[in-house]
Amino acid sequence: MPEQSNKYKKEDQPGLDELIPLSQAAILSGLSLPHLSLLIRQKKLWGVKIGRNWVTTEKAVKEYLALDRKTGPKSKKLS
């Protein structure tokens, strides 16, 4: 499994008690499960895959939501 790049230092790695399933992260964030797993694979949101399930932390979700990001469809470039 490829190593996930993240901004957590080794001493800051979340404990097992801090991990939440993406279903809980979806409720917390208002984002869909497929979108959250995409964000993790794109390394925009910290998370790991344990077995067949993705997990993240509440802290990581809140940090992602605090980022300045554009929503909605991408604008077309005019030539």
C-alpha atoms as a PDB file:
ATOM      1  CA  MET A   1       0.000   0.000   0.000  1.00  0.00           C
ATOM      2  CA  PRO A   2       1.445   3.423  -0.912  1.00  0.00           C
ATOM      3  CA  GLU A   3       2.390   5.557   2.040  1.00  0.00           C
ATOM      4  CA  GLN A   4      -0.022   8.439   2.641  1.00  0.00           C
ATOM      5  CA  SER A   5       1.612  11.839   2.658  1.00  0.00           C
ATOM      6  CA  ASN A   6       0.332  13.877   5.551  1.00  0.00           C
ATOM      7  CA  LYS A   7       1.191  16.861   7.650  1.00  0.00           C
ATOM      8  CA  TYR A   8       1.176  14.878  10.888  1.00  0.00           C
ATOM      9  CA  LYS A   9       4.605  14.333  12.388  1.00  0.00           C
ATOM     10  CA  LYS A  10       5.352  10.934  13.855  1.00  0.00           C
ATOM     11  CA  GLU A  11       4.683  12.179  17.401  1.00  0.00           C
ATOM     12  CA  ASP A  12       1.428  13.794  16.212  1.00  0.00           C
ATOM     13  CA  GLN A  13       0.014  10.646  14.604  1.00  0.00           C
ATOM     14  CA  PRO A  14      -3.580  10.165  15.726  1.00  0.00           C
ATOM     15  CA  GLY A  15      -4.334   7.402  18.177  1.00  0.00           C
ATOM     16  CA  LEU A  16      -6.828   4.660  17.444  1.00  0.00           C
ATOM     17  CA  ASP A  17      -9.358   6.425  19.675  1.00  0.00           C
ATOM     18  CA  GLU A  18      -9.212   9.496  17.379  1.00  0.00           C
ATOM     19  CA  LEU A  19      -9.983   7.640  14.127  1.00  0.00           C
ATOM     20  CA  ILE A  20     -13.487   7.983  12.712  1.00  0.00           C
ATOM     21  CA  PRO A  21     -15.059   6.163   9.765  1.00  0.00           C
ATOM     22  CA  LEU A  22     -15.862   8.182   6.654  1.00  0.00           C
ATOM     23  CA  SER A  23     -19.579   7.740   7.384  1.00  0.00           C
ATOM     24  CA  GLN A  24     -19.104   9.812  10.536  1.00  0.00           C
ATOM     25  CA  ALA A  25     -16.860  12.284   8.678  1.00  0.00           C
ATOM     26  CA  ALA A  26     -19.601  12.682   6.042  1.00  0.00           C
ATOM     27  CA  ILE A  27     -22.121  13.646   8.724  1.00  0.00           C
ATOM     28  CA  LEU A  28     -19.634  16.022  10.311  1.00  0.00           C
ATOM     29  CA  SER A  29     -18.647  17.695   7.025  1.00  0.00           C
ATOM     30  CA  GLY A  30     -21.758  17.484   4.879  1.00  0.00           C
ATOM     31  CA  LEU A  31     -19.660  15.849   2.124  1.00  0.00           C
ATOM     32  CA  SER A  32     -20.419  12.487   0.514  1.00  0.00           C
ATOM     33  CA  LEU A  33     -18.500   9.281   1.258  1.00  0.00           C
ATOM     34  CA  PRO A  34     -17.145   8.984  -2.310  1.00  0.00           C
ATOM     35  CA  HIS A  35     -15.988  12.608  -2.236  1.00  0.00           C
ATOM     36  CA  LEU A  36     -14.216  12.140   1.103  1.00  0.00           C
ATOM     37  CA  SER A  37     -12.401   9.028  -0.132  1.00  0.00           C
ATOM     38  CA  LEU A  38     -11.406  10.959  -3.276  1.00  0.00           C
ATOM     39  CA  LEU A  39     -10.008  13.796  -1.134  1.00  0.00           C
ATOM     40  CA  ILE A  40      -7.951  11.277   0.842  1.00  0.00           C
ATOM     41  CA  ARG A  41      -6.595   9.631  -2.325  1.00  0.00           C
ATOM     42  CA  GLN A  42      -5.716  13.108  -3.673  1.00  0.00           C
ATOM     43  CA  LYS A  43      -3.982  13.820  -0.344  1.00  0.00           C
ATOM     44  CA  LYS A  44      -6.165  16.855   0.301  1.00  0.00           C
ATOM     45  CA  LEU A  45      -7.571  15.246   3.460  1.00  0.00           C
ATOM     46  CA  TRP A  46      -5.616  13.072   5.876  1.00  0.00           C
ATOM     47  CA  GLY A  47      -6.832   9.507   6.081  1.00  0.00           C
ATOM     48  CA  VAL A  48      -5.753   5.882   5.866  1.00  0.00           C
ATOM     49  CA  LYS A  49      -7.291   2.716   4.594  1.00  0.00           C
ATOM     50  CA  ILE A  50      -7.595  -0.024   7.187  1.00  0.00           C
ATOM     51  CA  GLY A  51      -8.603  -3.231   5.496  1.00  0.00           C
ATOM     52  CA  ARG A  52     -11.262  -2.088   3.052  1.00  0.00           C
ATOM     53  CA  ASN A  53     -12.432   0.926   5.059  1.00  0.00           C
ATOM     54  CA  TRP A  54     -11.148   4.491   4.966  1.00  0.00           C
ATOM     55  CA  VAL A  55     -10.766   6.350   8.259  1.00  0.00           C
ATOM     56  CA  THR A  56      -9.806   9.898   9.131  1.00  0.00           C
ATOM     57  CA  THR A  57      -9.948  12.135  12.190  1.00  0.00           C
ATOM     58  CA  GLU A  58     -12.322  14.877  13.238  1.00  0.00           C
ATOM     59  CA  LYS A  59      -9.303  17.199  13.396  1.00  0.00           C
ATOM     60  CA  ALA A  60      -8.377  16.446   9.767  1.00  0.00           C
ATOM     61  CA  VAL A  61     -11.951  17.054   8.594  1.00  0.00           C
ATOM     62  CA  LYS A  62     -12.135  20.372  10.442  1.00  0.00           C
ATOM     63  CA  GLU A  63      -8.749  21.427   9.007  1.00  0.00           C
ATOM     64  CA  TYR A  64      -9.939  20.593   5.488  1.00  0.00           C
ATOM     65  CA  LEU A  65     -13.205  22.490   5.953  1.00  0.00           C
ATOM     66  CA  ALA A  66     -11.267  25.534   7.181  1.00  0.00           C
ATOM     67  CA  LEU A  67      -9.319  25.724   3.900  1.00  0.00           C
ATOM     68  CA  ASP A  68     -10.328  28.343   1.353  1.00  0.00           C
ATOM     69  CA  ARG A  69     -11.704  26.234  -1.483  1.00  0.00           C
ATOM     70  CA  LYS A  70     -13.956  26.898  -4.450  1.00  0.00           C
ATOM     71  CA  THR A  71     -17.118  24.877  -4.820  1.00  0.00           C
ATOM     72  CA  GLY A  72     -19.249  24.243  -7.856  1.00  0.00           C
ATOM     73  CA  PRO A  73     -18.423  23.596 -11.490  1.00  0.00           C
ATOM     74  CA  LYS A  74     -15.115  24.735 -12.915  1.00  0.00           C
ATOM     75  CA  SER A  75     -15.269  27.778 -15.178  1.00  0.00           C
ATOM     76  CA  LYS A  76     -14.396  27.300 -18.846  1.00  0.00           C
ATOM     77  CA  LYS A  77     -11.358  29.115 -20.104  1.00  0.00           C
ATOM     78  CA  LEU A  78     -12.142  31.480 -22.969  1.00  0.00           C
ATOM     79  CA  SER A  79      -9.601  31.663 -25.795  1.00  0.00           C
END
